[in-house]
N, C-alpha and C. Protein backbone atom coordinates (compact mmCIF):
# COMPACT_ATOMS: atom_id res chain seq x y z
N UNK A 1 0.44 -1.31 -0.46
CA UNK A 1 0.07 -0.19 0.00
C UNK A 1 0.99 1.40 0.02
N UNK A 2 2.19 0.77 0.61
CA UNK A 2 2.86 2.16 0.65
C UNK A 2 3.60 2.65 -0.38
N UNK A 3 4.08 1.41 -1.34
CA UNK A 3 4.50 1.83 -1.98
C UNK A 3 3.85 1.85 -3.45
N UNK A 4 2.59 1.55 -3.45
CA UNK A 4 1.21 1.88 -4.04
C UNK A 4 1.01 3.77 -4.56
N UNK A 5 1.02 4.16 -3.02
CA UNK A 5 0.91 5.81 -2.95
C UNK A 5 2.06 6.31 -3.10
N UNK A 6 3.17 5.75 -3.24
CA UNK A 6 4.31 6.50 -3.71
C UNK A 6 4.63 6.42 -5.02
N UNK A 7 3.70 5.34 -5.68
CA UNK A 7 4.22 5.57 -7.24
C UNK A 7 3.18 5.82 -7.81
N UNK A 8 2.18 5.88 -7.48
CA UNK A 8 0.60 6.89 -7.48
C UNK A 8 1.29 8.67 -7.16
N UNK A 9 2.33 8.85 -6.67
CA UNK A 9 2.99 10.05 -6.87
C UNK A 9 3.62 10.40 -7.59
N UNK A 10 4.64 9.72 -8.08
CA UNK A 10 5.02 9.88 -9.02
C UNK A 10 6.41 9.64 -8.93
N UNK A 11 6.87 7.99 -8.31
CA UNK A 11 8.29 7.70 -7.40
C UNK A 11 8.31 6.73 -8.46
N UNK A 12 9.70 6.51 -8.65
CA UNK A 12 10.58 5.46 -9.27
C UNK A 12 10.17 4.51 -8.20
N UNK A 13 9.23 3.88 -8.29
CA UNK A 13 9.34 2.19 -7.77
C UNK A 13 9.41 0.79 -8.63
N UNK A 14 10.45 0.40 -7.84
CA UNK A 14 11.23 -1.39 -8.22
C UNK A 14 10.70 -1.67 -7.32
N UNK A 15 9.86 -2.69 -7.99
CA UNK A 15 9.40 -3.73 -6.99
C UNK A 15 10.10 -5.42 -6.87
N UNK A 16 10.99 -5.45 -5.79
CA UNK A 16 11.60 -6.39 -5.85
C UNK A 16 11.44 -7.76 -5.66
N UNK A 17 10.29 -8.64 -6.81
CA UNK A 17 10.18 -9.89 -6.82
C UNK A 17 10.94 -10.97 -6.38
N UNK A 18 10.91 -12.61 -5.89
CA UNK A 18 11.53 -13.47 -5.81
C UNK A 18 11.64 -14.45 -7.57
N UNK A 19 12.73 -14.78 -7.63
CA UNK A 19 12.90 -15.14 -8.67
C UNK A 19 11.66 -16.52 -9.14
N UNK A 20 11.60 -17.12 -7.48
CA UNK A 20 10.47 -18.54 -8.03
C UNK A 20 8.80 -18.16 -8.35
N UNK A 21 8.41 -17.27 -9.34
CA UNK A 21 7.49 -17.17 -9.45
C UNK A 21 6.94 -15.81 -8.98
N UNK A 22 7.64 -14.71 -8.55
CA UNK A 22 7.15 -13.57 -8.02
C UNK A 22 6.26 -13.34 -7.27
N UNK A 23 5.65 -12.30 -6.92
CA UNK A 23 4.87 -11.85 -5.64
C UNK A 23 4.09 -12.99 -5.74
N UNK A 24 3.39 -13.50 -4.51
CA UNK A 24 2.50 -14.46 -4.58
C UNK A 24 0.84 -14.38 -4.87
N UNK A 25 0.72 -12.42 -5.37
CA UNK A 25 -0.09 -12.43 -5.88
C UNK A 25 -0.40 -12.41 -6.90
N UNK A 26 0.91 -12.37 -8.17
CA UNK A 26 0.38 -12.34 -9.79
C UNK A 26 -0.69 -14.25 -9.85
N UNK A 27 -0.73 -14.17 -8.99
CA UNK A 27 -1.74 -16.39 -8.70
C UNK A 27 -2.63 -15.82 -8.45
N UNK A 28 -3.19 -14.61 -7.23
CA UNK A 28 -4.49 -14.44 -7.01
C UNK A 28 -5.64 -14.02 -8.33
N UNK A 29 -6.68 -14.51 -8.29
CA UNK A 29 -7.77 -14.34 -8.59
C UNK A 29 -8.33 -12.91 -8.98
N UNK A 30 -9.52 -12.44 -9.45
CA UNK A 30 -9.83 -12.70 -11.23
C UNK A 30 -8.63 -12.21 -11.95
N UNK A 31 -8.58 -12.79 -12.75
CA UNK A 31 -7.42 -12.69 -14.01
C UNK A 31 -8.76 -11.99 -15.18
N UNK A 32 -7.46 -11.04 -15.72
CA UNK A 32 -7.90 -11.09 -16.83
C UNK A 32 -6.90 -10.80 -17.91
N UNK A 33 -7.00 -11.44 -19.36
CA UNK A 33 -5.77 -11.74 -20.29
C UNK A 33 -4.78 -12.42 -20.08
N UNK A 34 -4.82 -13.50 -18.47
CA UNK A 34 -3.98 -14.03 -18.10
C UNK A 34 -2.90 -13.63 -17.01
N UNK A 35 -3.76 -12.02 -16.10
CA UNK A 35 -2.71 -11.50 -15.55
C UNK A 35 -3.74 -11.47 -14.08
N UNK A 36 -3.28 -10.86 -13.15
CA UNK A 36 -4.44 -10.89 -11.97
C UNK A 36 -3.86 -9.60 -11.75
N UNK A 37 -5.72 -9.38 -11.79
CA UNK A 37 -6.64 -7.93 -11.76
C UNK A 37 -5.70 -6.74 -10.26
N UNK A 38 -6.04 -8.06 -9.22
CA UNK A 38 -5.67 -8.23 -7.67
C UNK A 38 -4.12 -7.81 -7.62
N UNK A 39 -2.80 -8.62 -9.02
CA UNK A 39 -1.90 -7.44 -8.54
C UNK A 39 -1.66 -6.26 -9.19
N UNK A 40 -2.19 -5.74 -10.45
CA UNK A 40 -2.44 -5.21 -11.26
C UNK A 40 -2.44 -3.75 -10.21
N UNK A 41 -3.87 -4.08 -9.33
CA UNK A 41 -4.11 -3.17 -9.00
C UNK A 41 -3.38 -2.40 -7.88
N UNK A 42 -2.71 -3.51 -7.76
CA UNK A 42 -2.05 -3.09 -6.12
C UNK A 42 -0.32 -2.69 -6.57
N UNK A 43 -0.51 -2.89 -7.59
CA UNK A 43 1.76 -2.44 -8.27
C UNK A 43 1.51 -1.80 -9.19
N UNK A 44 0.45 -1.45 -9.79
CA UNK A 44 0.47 -0.05 -10.19
C UNK A 44 1.08 1.03 -10.60
N UNK A 45 2.05 1.74 -11.67
CA UNK A 45 2.55 1.98 -11.66
C UNK A 45 4.00 1.70 -10.63
N UNK A 46 4.06 0.75 -10.68
CA UNK A 46 5.41 0.20 -10.48
C UNK A 46 5.98 -1.00 -11.24
N UNK A 47 7.52 -0.77 -10.99
CA UNK A 47 8.16 -1.32 -11.96
C UNK A 47 8.52 -3.07 -11.21
N UNK A 48 8.69 -4.40 -12.15
CA UNK A 48 8.86 -5.19 -10.89
C UNK A 48 10.44 -5.49 -11.79
N UNK A 49 11.74 -6.83 -10.99
CA UNK A 49 12.86 -6.96 -11.08
C UNK A 49 12.45 -8.45 -10.21
N UNK A 50 13.33 -8.96 -10.73
CA UNK A 50 13.35 -10.46 -9.84
C UNK A 50 14.78 -10.49 -9.32
N UNK A 51 15.28 -10.65 -8.19
CA UNK A 51 16.68 -10.91 -7.76
C UNK A 51 16.26 -11.91 -6.20
N UNK A 52 18.01 -12.59 -6.67
CA UNK A 52 17.62 -13.38 -5.50
C UNK A 52 18.62 -12.61 -4.40
N UNK A 53 18.54 -11.94 -3.77
CA UNK A 53 19.49 -11.59 -2.47
C UNK A 53 19.72 -12.85 -1.62
N UNK A 54 19.75 -14.11 -2.31
CA UNK A 54 21.09 -14.27 -1.32
C UNK A 54 22.52 -14.96 -2.44
N UNK A 55 21.89 -14.20 -3.93
CA UNK A 55 23.04 -14.57 -4.82
C UNK A 55 24.20 -12.99 -4.54
N UNK A 56 25.13 -13.76 -4.74
CA UNK A 56 26.07 -12.44 -4.29
C UNK A 56 25.83 -11.34 -5.56
N UNK A 57 25.73 -11.66 -7.30
CA UNK A 57 25.80 -10.86 -7.91
C UNK A 57 24.45 -9.93 -8.51
N UNK A 58 23.19 -11.06 -7.56
CA UNK A 58 22.37 -10.10 -7.27
C UNK A 58 22.17 -8.99 -6.02
N UNK A 59 23.05 -8.75 -4.66
CA UNK A 59 23.26 -8.36 -3.41
C UNK A 59 24.16 -7.06 -4.42
N UNK A 60 24.42 -7.41 -5.45
CA UNK A 60 26.28 -6.45 -5.93
C UNK A 60 24.76 -5.40 -6.36
N UNK A 61 23.72 -5.72 -8.05
CA UNK A 61 23.41 -5.30 -8.66
C UNK A 61 22.08 -3.86 -7.35
N UNK A 62 21.52 -5.18 -5.88
CA UNK A 62 21.24 -4.27 -5.72
C UNK A 62 21.87 -3.06 -4.49
N UNK A 63 22.71 -3.55 -4.21
CA UNK A 63 23.68 -2.10 -3.52
C UNK A 63 23.95 -1.18 -5.05
N UNK A 64 23.80 -1.94 -6.05
CA UNK A 64 23.92 -0.80 -6.78
C UNK A 64 23.06 0.44 -7.25
N UNK A 65 22.16 -0.25 -7.26
CA UNK A 65 20.47 -0.10 -6.83
C UNK A 65 20.06 1.12 -5.84
N UNK A 66 20.75 0.69 -4.63
CA UNK A 66 20.57 1.46 -3.45
C UNK A 66 21.59 2.60 -3.48
N UNK A 67 22.33 2.86 -4.06
CA UNK A 67 23.01 3.47 -4.45
C UNK A 67 22.69 5.08 -5.61
N UNK A 68 21.96 4.76 -5.66
CA UNK A 68 20.75 5.73 -6.51
C UNK A 68 19.24 6.01 -6.14
N UNK A 69 19.29 5.38 -4.99
CA UNK A 69 18.19 5.53 -3.91
C UNK A 69 17.58 6.32 -3.65
N UNK A 70 16.58 7.22 -2.93
CA UNK A 70 16.13 7.87 -2.10
C UNK A 70 15.62 6.43 -0.73
N UNK A 71 14.76 6.17 -1.26
CA UNK A 71 14.00 5.12 -0.04
C UNK A 71 14.24 3.53 -0.50
N UNK A 72 15.04 2.87 0.86
CA UNK A 72 14.61 1.55 0.37
C UNK A 72 13.40 1.07 1.29
N UNK A 73 11.86 0.27 1.05
CA UNK A 73 11.57 -0.19 1.97
C UNK A 73 11.70 -1.81 2.36
N UNK A 74 11.29 -3.12 2.88
CA UNK A 74 11.82 -4.10 3.45
C UNK A 74 10.36 -4.44 4.14
N UNK A 75 9.75 -5.73 4.04
CA UNK A 75 9.30 -6.03 4.86
C UNK A 75 9.52 -7.93 5.66
N UNK A 76 10.52 -7.72 5.97
CA UNK A 76 11.09 -8.96 6.58
C UNK A 76 11.53 -9.14 7.70
N UNK A 77 11.39 -10.21 7.88
CA UNK A 77 11.74 -10.06 10.12
C UNK A 77 12.82 -9.79 9.83
N UNK A 78 12.82 -8.68 11.31
CA UNK A 78 14.14 -7.99 11.67
C UNK A 78 15.50 -9.16 12.12
N UNK A 79 16.34 -8.82 11.77
CA UNK A 79 17.57 -9.67 11.33
C UNK A 79 17.64 -10.17 10.16
N UNK A 80 16.57 -10.15 8.82
CA UNK A 80 16.94 -10.83 7.63
C UNK A 80 17.67 -10.50 6.92
N UNK A 81 17.57 -8.62 6.10
CA UNK A 81 18.17 -8.38 5.55
C UNK A 81 19.67 -7.53 6.23
N UNK A 82 20.08 -8.08 7.62
CA UNK A 82 21.64 -7.75 8.10
C UNK A 82 22.34 -9.02 7.69
N UNK A 83 21.35 -10.22 8.26
CA UNK A 83 21.77 -11.24 7.44
C UNK A 83 22.35 -11.62 6.26
N UNK A 84 21.41 -11.12 5.61
CA UNK A 84 22.19 -11.28 3.75
C UNK A 84 23.16 -9.81 3.54
N UNK A 85 23.65 -8.53 4.36
CA UNK A 85 24.32 -8.45 4.24
C UNK A 85 24.02 -6.64 3.62
N UNK A 86 22.80 -6.81 3.58
CA UNK A 86 22.02 -5.34 3.05
C UNK A 86 20.78 -5.17 4.27
N UNK A 87 21.10 -5.14 5.57
CA UNK A 87 20.74 -4.09 6.71
C UNK A 87 20.76 -2.92 6.73
N UNK A 88 20.36 -1.78 7.15
CA UNK A 88 20.91 -0.45 6.92
C UNK A 88 21.54 -0.33 7.05
N UNK A 89 22.74 -0.33 8.51
CA UNK A 89 23.91 -0.37 8.74
C UNK A 89 25.21 -0.61 8.27
N UNK A 90 24.45 -1.38 7.04
CA UNK A 90 25.88 -1.57 5.79
C UNK A 90 24.88 -0.92 4.42
N UNK A 91 24.00 -0.42 4.25
CA UNK A 91 23.25 0.68 3.09
C UNK A 91 23.69 2.04 3.01
N UNK A 92 23.33 2.41 4.42
CA UNK A 92 23.45 3.75 4.86
C UNK A 92 25.53 4.40 4.27
N UNK A 93 25.89 3.00 4.43
CA UNK A 93 27.31 3.68 4.24
C UNK A 93 27.83 3.86 2.60
N UNK A 94 26.54 2.93 2.22
CA UNK A 94 26.60 3.06 0.60
C UNK A 94 26.16 4.47 0.09
N UNK A 95 25.01 5.33 0.71
CA UNK A 95 24.43 5.48 0.52
C UNK A 95 24.00 6.37 1.63
N UNK A 96 24.88 7.62 1.95
CA UNK A 96 24.99 7.85 3.35
C UNK A 96 23.20 8.68 3.76
N UNK A 97 22.64 9.20 2.47
CA UNK A 97 21.61 9.70 2.77
C UNK A 97 20.11 9.23 2.37
N UNK A 98 20.37 7.49 2.18
CA UNK A 98 18.88 6.54 2.17
C UNK A 98 18.24 6.62 4.05
N UNK A 99 16.55 6.37 3.07
CA UNK A 99 15.76 6.88 4.20
C UNK A 99 15.67 5.06 3.76
N UNK A 100 15.65 4.33 5.22
CA UNK A 100 15.35 2.80 5.18
C UNK A 100 14.23 2.95 5.73
N UNK A 101 13.21 1.70 4.90
CA UNK A 101 11.87 1.66 5.86
C UNK A 101 11.46 0.38 6.34
N UNK A 102 11.56 0.09 7.36
CA UNK A 102 11.49 -1.67 7.82
C UNK A 102 9.70 -2.09 8.39
N UNK A 103 9.44 -2.64 7.79
CA UNK A 103 7.70 -2.82 7.94
C UNK A 103 7.59 -4.27 8.50
N UNK A 104 7.62 -4.79 9.55
CA UNK A 104 6.99 -5.95 10.24
C UNK A 104 5.81 -5.92 11.12
N UNK A 105 5.53 -6.85 11.54
CA UNK A 105 4.18 -7.35 12.55
C UNK A 105 4.77 -6.76 13.90
N UNK A 106 6.25 -7.23 14.61
CA UNK A 106 6.25 -6.61 15.84
C UNK A 106 7.59 -5.11 15.66
N UNK A 107 7.80 -4.73 14.83
CA UNK A 107 8.67 -3.71 14.52
C UNK A 107 10.55 -4.54 14.76
N UNK A 108 11.83 -3.50 15.28
CA UNK A 108 12.93 -4.19 15.45
C UNK A 108 12.91 -4.69 16.43
N UNK A 109 12.13 -4.09 17.26
CA UNK A 109 12.68 -4.30 18.58
C UNK A 109 11.76 -5.20 19.70
N UNK A 110 12.26 -5.90 21.14
CA UNK A 110 11.33 -6.21 21.23
C UNK A 110 11.45 -7.41 22.16
N UNK A 111 10.24 -8.21 22.86
CA UNK A 111 10.52 -9.88 22.38
C UNK A 111 9.81 -10.08 21.39
N UNK A 112 8.87 -9.61 21.42
CA UNK A 112 8.08 -10.63 19.59
C UNK A 112 8.86 -10.15 18.31
N UNK A 113 9.99 -9.51 17.94
CA UNK A 113 10.35 -9.12 17.06
C UNK A 113 10.91 -9.79 16.12
N UNK A 114 11.58 -11.09 16.72
CA UNK A 114 12.17 -12.13 15.52
C UNK A 114 10.93 -13.08 15.24
N UNK A 115 9.85 -12.89 15.66
CA UNK A 115 8.65 -13.83 15.23
C UNK A 115 7.94 -13.13 14.36
N UNK A 116 7.58 -14.10 13.09
CA UNK A 116 6.98 -14.12 11.74
C UNK A 116 5.22 -13.48 12.21
N UNK A 117 4.99 -12.37 10.84
CA UNK A 117 3.66 -12.13 11.69
C UNK A 117 3.26 -11.24 10.21
N UNK A 118 2.08 -11.30 10.05
CA UNK A 118 2.10 -10.40 9.11
C UNK A 118 -0.38 -9.92 9.44
N UNK A 119 -0.77 -9.45 8.63
CA UNK A 119 -1.90 -8.56 8.78
C UNK A 119 -3.25 -8.96 10.02
N UNK A 120 -3.49 -10.14 9.48
CA UNK A 120 -4.47 -11.44 10.36
C UNK A 120 -3.14 -11.70 11.85
N UNK A 121 -2.47 -11.29 11.80
CA UNK A 121 -1.91 -12.13 13.38
C UNK A 121 -1.76 -10.93 14.35
N UNK A 122 -0.96 -9.85 12.98
CA UNK A 122 -1.71 -8.28 13.95
C UNK A 122 -2.54 -8.22 14.60
N UNK A 123 -4.00 -8.34 13.49
CA UNK A 123 -5.22 -7.94 14.17
C UNK A 123 -5.31 -9.32 15.34
N UNK A 124 -5.11 -9.80 15.59
CA UNK A 124 -5.01 -10.63 16.31
C UNK A 124 -4.52 -10.24 17.80
N UNK A 125 -3.55 -10.20 17.43
CA UNK A 125 -2.59 -9.50 18.62
C UNK A 125 -3.17 -8.37 19.35
N UNK A 126 -3.31 -7.60 18.61
CA UNK A 126 -4.05 -6.16 18.83
C UNK A 126 -5.29 -6.20 19.41
N UNK A 127 -5.86 -7.45 19.03
CA UNK A 127 -7.15 -7.63 19.87
C UNK A 127 -7.66 -6.24 19.52
N UNK A 128 -7.73 -6.29 18.09
CA UNK A 128 -9.34 -5.81 17.06
C UNK A 128 -9.81 -7.23 17.18
N UNK A 129 -9.61 -8.06 16.46
CA UNK A 129 -9.96 -8.97 16.24
C UNK A 129 -11.34 -10.33 17.45
N UNK A 130 -11.32 -9.52 18.78
CA UNK A 130 -11.61 -10.28 19.93
C UNK A 130 -13.07 -9.11 19.41
N UNK A 131 -12.95 -7.81 19.19
CA UNK A 131 -13.58 -6.83 19.02
C UNK A 131 -14.90 -6.58 18.04
N UNK A 132 -14.33 -7.76 16.74
CA UNK A 132 -15.09 -8.07 15.80
C UNK A 132 -16.16 -8.60 15.90
N UNK A 133 -17.15 -9.29 15.27
CA UNK A 133 -18.27 -9.77 14.72
C UNK A 133 -18.68 -9.97 15.24
N UNK A 134 -19.52 -11.62 16.46
CA UNK A 134 -20.87 -11.76 16.76
C UNK A 134 -19.96 -11.75 18.53
N UNK A 135 -20.43 -11.07 19.32
CA UNK A 135 -20.14 -11.09 20.55
C UNK A 135 -19.80 -11.94 21.23
N UNK A 136 -20.95 -12.89 21.34
CA UNK A 136 -20.78 -14.48 21.94
C UNK A 136 -19.89 -15.17 20.93
N UNK A 137 -19.61 -14.95 19.51
CA UNK A 137 -18.86 -15.79 19.23
C UNK A 137 -16.99 -16.13 19.45
N UNK A 138 -17.18 -17.13 18.37
CA UNK A 138 -14.78 -16.22 18.84
C UNK A 138 -13.82 -14.80 17.67
N UNK A 139 -14.02 -14.96 18.03
CA UNK A 139 -12.69 -13.19 17.67
C UNK A 139 -12.99 -13.87 15.84
N UNK A 140 -13.26 -12.75 15.56
CA UNK A 140 -13.03 -12.61 13.66
C UNK A 140 -12.62 -11.44 12.74
N UNK A 141 -12.03 -12.02 11.80
CA UNK A 141 -10.85 -11.53 11.58
C UNK A 141 -11.43 -10.46 10.28
N UNK A 142 -11.04 -8.76 10.63
CA UNK A 142 -11.97 -7.74 9.37
C UNK A 142 -12.27 -7.98 8.37
N UNK A 143 -12.83 -7.85 7.53
CA UNK A 143 -12.82 -8.37 6.74
C UNK A 143 -11.76 -7.86 5.65
N UNK A 144 -11.10 -6.55 5.94
CA UNK A 144 -9.87 -6.22 4.89
C UNK A 144 -8.56 -6.32 5.65
N UNK A 145 -7.73 -5.75 5.32
CA UNK A 145 -6.25 -6.13 5.71
C UNK A 145 -5.78 -4.96 6.27
N UNK A 146 -6.60 -4.85 7.25
CA UNK A 146 -6.66 -2.95 7.75
C UNK A 146 -4.65 -3.06 8.48
N UNK A 147 -4.96 -4.24 9.11
CA UNK A 147 -3.28 -3.73 9.40
C UNK A 147 -1.71 -3.24 9.02
N UNK A 148 -2.58 -4.09 7.33
CA UNK A 148 -1.49 -3.58 5.83
C UNK A 148 -1.57 -2.19 5.31
N UNK A 149 -3.10 -2.57 5.44
CA UNK A 149 -3.69 -0.54 5.25
C UNK A 149 -2.76 0.82 6.01
N UNK A 150 -2.89 0.18 7.52
CA UNK A 150 -2.72 1.56 8.13
C UNK A 150 -0.88 0.92 8.48
N UNK A 151 -0.71 0.56 7.98
CA UNK A 151 0.90 0.36 7.91
C UNK A 151 1.65 0.61 7.17
N UNK A 152 0.94 0.68 6.00
CA UNK A 152 1.18 0.99 4.88
C UNK A 152 0.54 2.74 5.22
N UNK A 153 0.32 2.70 5.17
CA UNK A 153 -0.12 3.99 5.14
C UNK A 153 0.73 5.34 6.48
N UNK A 154 0.98 4.42 7.51
CA UNK A 154 1.70 5.30 8.01
C UNK A 154 3.49 5.30 7.80
N UNK A 155 3.29 4.03 6.91
CA UNK A 155 5.22 4.53 6.21
C UNK A 155 5.25 6.02 5.61
N UNK A 156 4.27 5.38 4.71
CA UNK A 156 3.70 6.12 3.54
C UNK A 156 3.98 7.93 4.07
N UNK A 157 3.27 8.10 5.22
CA UNK A 157 3.62 9.21 5.79
C UNK A 157 4.82 10.01 6.44
N UNK A 158 5.73 9.10 7.29
CA UNK A 158 6.70 8.76 8.21
C UNK A 158 8.02 8.45 7.25
N UNK A 159 7.89 8.44 5.76
CA UNK A 159 8.61 8.56 4.73
C UNK A 159 8.98 9.52 4.54
N UNK A 160 7.37 10.43 3.44
CA UNK A 160 7.48 11.70 3.85
C UNK A 160 8.02 13.15 4.75
N UNK A 161 7.76 12.87 5.82
CA UNK A 161 8.61 13.32 7.44
C UNK A 161 10.21 12.84 6.78
N UNK A 162 10.34 12.40 6.98
CA UNK A 162 11.33 11.74 7.14
C UNK A 162 12.56 12.40 5.39
N UNK A 163 11.81 12.55 4.34
CA UNK A 163 12.72 13.21 3.38
C UNK A 163 12.57 14.11 3.24
N UNK A 164 10.89 14.79 4.04
CA UNK A 164 11.53 16.34 4.46
C UNK A 164 12.47 17.23 5.66
N UNK A 165 13.18 16.16 6.46
CA UNK A 165 13.98 15.87 7.49
C UNK A 165 14.80 16.27 7.03
N UNK A 166 15.12 15.26 5.86
CA UNK A 166 16.14 14.88 5.54
C UNK A 166 16.23 15.95 4.42
N UNK A 167 16.13 16.88 3.35
CA UNK A 167 15.56 17.92 3.17
C UNK A 167 16.19 19.23 4.13
N UNK A 168 16.52 19.17 5.33
CA UNK A 168 17.09 20.26 6.39
C UNK A 168 18.11 19.88 6.82
N UNK A 169 18.66 18.72 6.93
CA UNK A 169 19.78 18.15 7.78
C UNK A 169 20.44 17.01 7.02
N UNK A 170 19.71 16.96 6.07
CA UNK A 170 20.70 15.75 5.49
C UNK A 170 21.08 14.48 5.87
N UNK A 171 20.58 13.66 6.84
CA UNK A 171 20.60 12.66 7.28
C UNK A 171 19.47 12.07 7.10
N UNK A 172 20.21 10.24 7.13
CA UNK A 172 19.87 9.80 6.80
C UNK A 172 18.16 8.77 7.75
N UNK A 173 17.41 7.84 7.80
CA UNK A 173 17.27 7.22 9.13
C UNK A 173 16.29 6.27 8.66
N UNK A 174 15.73 5.60 9.57
CA UNK A 174 15.63 3.60 9.43
C UNK A 174 14.08 4.08 10.34
N UNK A 175 13.49 4.06 9.53
CA UNK A 175 12.05 3.62 10.39
C UNK A 175 11.26 2.54 10.24
N UNK A 176 11.02 2.45 11.36
CA UNK A 176 10.69 0.89 12.04
C UNK A 176 8.91 1.06 12.31
N UNK A 177 8.25 -0.08 11.26
CA UNK A 177 7.29 0.17 11.40
C UNK A 177 6.45 -0.79 11.82
N UNK A 178 5.96 -0.79 12.06
CA UNK A 178 4.95 -2.16 13.72
C UNK A 178 3.39 -2.44 13.05
N UNK A 179 3.12 -3.24 12.56
CA UNK A 179 1.28 -3.78 12.19
C UNK A 179 0.95 -3.98 13.12
N UNK A 180 1.86 -4.00 14.86
CA UNK A 180 0.89 -5.30 15.51
C UNK A 180 0.40 -3.42 16.61
N UNK A 181 0.87 -3.36 17.14
CA UNK A 181 1.60 -1.36 18.05
C UNK A 181 0.51 -0.66 17.02
N UNK A 182 0.55 -0.70 15.50
CA UNK A 182 -0.35 0.15 15.15
C UNK A 182 -1.98 -0.13 15.33
N UNK A 183 -1.85 -1.16 15.43
CA UNK A 183 -3.48 -2.03 15.36
C UNK A 183 -3.81 -1.51 16.90
N UNK A 184 -2.92 -1.96 17.96
CA UNK A 184 -3.58 -1.97 18.46
C UNK A 184 -3.63 -0.47 19.67
N UNK A 185 -2.20 0.92 18.80
CA UNK A 185 -2.96 2.08 19.13
C UNK A 185 -4.00 2.77 18.15
């Protein structure tokens, strides 16, 4: 959602997908002309490439792109990009003005930080599912991906704020977005 909004506002967004099949949403229906309508709608105005970030040549290509980038947005579990040699501390050495935004279920620090998670898990741990549905029934997922949307919208706003701050100070930043924290709030 964040990168969609950035692309809609004119940013040159390059989406990195896995070499084996790309983004999972490419397989989500409905389809038109053998292409996912959903994938097309949320990836409009973006360009995509496939990179295996475990491969040395792909890492070098990624680093080359980072040297020219304003922003990197990643949504791996905390520590994954560091293990790949592509974490914030490494990349800001290549590009001291880089804004690096991490979006994860629980944020970069804390007792749950290393746990995997995504929208529906953030809904559950935040208590939103407890407040949704039949009062006498089980917790119920909200019909939309509210955590993803709130996370993306917050990331969009924080990136804009960080870019403004950078225009004044010249300083880079690492933005930490936690879906669960946002939904609890």
